[in-house]
């Protein structure tokens, strides 16, 4: 259920959410979350600067 909620949050907000706790940070940057976002069709392009 947590992945379902976090998968709907925009990637631009992940930096702020990662400050909540170490657990949130580990979930936000896990491959499982990206895979879940892919299943939902809510992936966003990555821009590296």
N, C-alpha and C. Protein backbone atom coordinates (compact mmCIF):
# COMPACT_ATOMS: atom_id res chain seq x y z
N UNK A 1 0.83 -1.18 0.00
CA UNK A 1 0.00 0.00 0.00
C UNK A 1 0.88 1.25 0.00
N UNK A 2 2.01 1.19 0.68
CA UNK A 2 2.90 2.34 0.72
C UNK A 2 3.44 2.65 -0.68
N UNK A 3 3.84 1.63 -1.41
CA UNK A 3 4.32 1.84 -2.77
C UNK A 3 3.24 2.46 -3.64
N UNK A 4 2.03 2.05 -3.45
CA UNK A 4 0.92 2.59 -4.23
C UNK A 4 0.76 4.09 -3.98
N UNK A 5 0.88 4.50 -2.75
CA UNK A 5 0.76 5.93 -2.41
C UNK A 5 1.95 6.72 -2.94
N UNK A 6 3.16 6.22 -2.67
CA UNK A 6 4.35 6.95 -3.09
C UNK A 6 4.53 6.97 -4.60
N UNK A 7 4.01 5.98 -5.28
CA UNK A 7 4.13 5.93 -6.74
C UNK A 7 3.34 7.05 -7.41
N UNK A 8 2.38 7.58 -6.73
CA UNK A 8 1.55 8.64 -7.30
C UNK A 8 2.09 10.04 -7.01
N UNK A 9 3.15 10.12 -6.21
CA UNK A 9 3.77 11.40 -5.90
C UNK A 9 4.75 11.74 -7.01
N UNK A 10 4.74 12.98 -7.45
CA UNK A 10 5.63 13.42 -8.52
C UNK A 10 7.08 13.25 -8.10
N UNK A 11 7.92 12.91 -9.07
CA UNK A 11 9.35 12.74 -8.77
C UNK A 11 9.98 14.03 -8.28
N UNK A 12 9.43 15.16 -8.66
CA UNK A 12 9.98 16.44 -8.20
C UNK A 12 9.81 16.63 -6.69
N UNK A 13 8.89 15.89 -6.09
CA UNK A 13 8.67 15.97 -4.65
C UNK A 13 9.44 14.92 -3.87
N UNK A 14 10.13 14.02 -4.55
CA UNK A 14 10.85 12.96 -3.86
C UNK A 14 11.97 13.48 -2.97
N UNK A 15 12.64 14.54 -3.37
CA UNK A 15 13.73 15.09 -2.55
C UNK A 15 13.19 15.56 -1.20
N UNK A 16 12.06 16.22 -1.20
CA UNK A 16 11.47 16.68 0.06
C UNK A 16 11.01 15.51 0.91
N UNK A 17 10.39 14.53 0.29
CA UNK A 17 9.92 13.37 1.04
C UNK A 17 11.06 12.53 1.59
N UNK A 18 12.19 12.54 0.93
CA UNK A 18 13.32 11.73 1.40
C UNK A 18 13.88 12.28 2.70
N UNK A 19 13.56 13.52 3.04
CA UNK A 19 14.03 14.12 4.28
C UNK A 19 13.20 13.69 5.49
N UNK A 20 12.07 13.05 5.26
CA UNK A 20 11.19 12.63 6.36
C UNK A 20 11.88 11.61 7.25
N UNK A 21 12.45 10.58 6.65
CA UNK A 21 13.16 9.56 7.43
C UNK A 21 14.04 8.73 6.51
N UNK A 22 14.93 7.96 7.11
CA UNK A 22 15.80 7.08 6.33
C UNK A 22 14.97 6.04 5.59
N UNK A 23 13.91 5.58 6.22
CA UNK A 23 13.05 4.57 5.59
C UNK A 23 12.40 5.13 4.34
N UNK A 24 11.86 6.36 4.44
CA UNK A 24 11.24 6.98 3.26
C UNK A 24 12.27 7.13 2.14
N UNK A 25 13.47 7.57 2.49
CA UNK A 25 14.52 7.75 1.49
C UNK A 25 14.82 6.43 0.79
N UNK A 26 14.94 5.35 1.56
CA UNK A 26 15.26 4.06 0.95
C UNK A 26 14.14 3.57 0.03
N UNK A 27 12.90 3.84 0.40
CA UNK A 27 11.77 3.42 -0.45
C UNK A 27 11.69 4.28 -1.70
N UNK A 28 11.90 5.58 -1.56
CA UNK A 28 11.78 6.49 -2.71
C UNK A 28 12.82 6.22 -3.78
N UNK A 29 13.99 5.74 -3.38
CA UNK A 29 15.05 5.50 -4.35
C UNK A 29 15.25 4.02 -4.64
N UNK A 30 14.24 3.23 -4.33
CA UNK A 30 14.34 1.79 -4.58
C UNK A 30 13.85 1.45 -6.00
N UNK A 31 14.41 0.40 -6.56
CA UNK A 31 13.95 -0.03 -7.89
C UNK A 31 12.50 -0.53 -7.86
N UNK A 32 12.04 -1.01 -6.73
CA UNK A 32 10.66 -1.49 -6.62
C UNK A 32 9.67 -0.36 -6.86
N UNK A 33 9.98 0.82 -6.35
CA UNK A 33 9.07 1.95 -6.55
C UNK A 33 9.02 2.33 -8.03
N UNK A 34 10.17 2.35 -8.70
CA UNK A 34 10.19 2.68 -10.12
C UNK A 34 9.40 1.64 -10.92
N UNK A 35 9.57 0.38 -10.57
CA UNK A 35 8.83 -0.69 -11.26
C UNK A 35 7.33 -0.54 -11.05
N UNK A 36 6.92 -0.19 -9.82
CA UNK A 36 5.51 0.01 -9.53
C UNK A 36 4.97 1.20 -10.31
N UNK A 37 5.76 2.28 -10.39
CA UNK A 37 5.35 3.46 -11.17
C UNK A 37 5.19 3.08 -12.64
N UNK A 38 6.05 2.21 -13.14
CA UNK A 38 5.96 1.77 -14.54
C UNK A 38 4.67 1.00 -14.78
N UNK A 39 4.30 0.16 -13.82
CA UNK A 39 3.05 -0.60 -13.95
C UNK A 39 1.84 0.32 -13.97
N UNK A 40 1.92 1.41 -13.21
CA UNK A 40 0.81 2.37 -13.17
C UNK A 40 0.81 3.30 -14.38
N UNK A 41 1.93 3.33 -15.10
CA UNK A 41 2.02 4.23 -16.23
C UNK A 41 2.30 5.65 -15.81
N UNK A 42 2.90 5.83 -14.65
CA UNK A 42 3.15 7.20 -14.16
C UNK A 42 4.63 7.51 -14.06
N UNK A 43 5.42 6.96 -14.97
CA UNK A 43 6.84 7.29 -14.98
C UNK A 43 7.04 8.65 -15.60
N UNK A 44 8.08 9.32 -15.18
CA UNK A 44 8.42 10.63 -15.71
C UNK A 44 9.83 10.56 -16.26
N UNK A 45 10.08 11.35 -17.27
CA UNK A 45 11.43 11.40 -17.84
C UNK A 45 12.39 11.93 -16.79
N UNK A 46 13.60 11.40 -16.82
CA UNK A 46 14.64 11.86 -15.90
C UNK A 46 15.53 12.84 -16.64
N UNK A 47 15.83 13.93 -15.96
CA UNK A 47 16.73 14.92 -16.51
C UNK A 47 17.91 15.04 -15.56
N UNK A 48 19.08 14.77 -16.07
CA UNK A 48 20.29 14.85 -15.26
C UNK A 48 21.01 16.15 -15.59
N UNK A 49 21.37 16.88 -14.58
CA UNK A 49 22.11 18.13 -14.79
C UNK A 49 23.51 17.99 -14.27
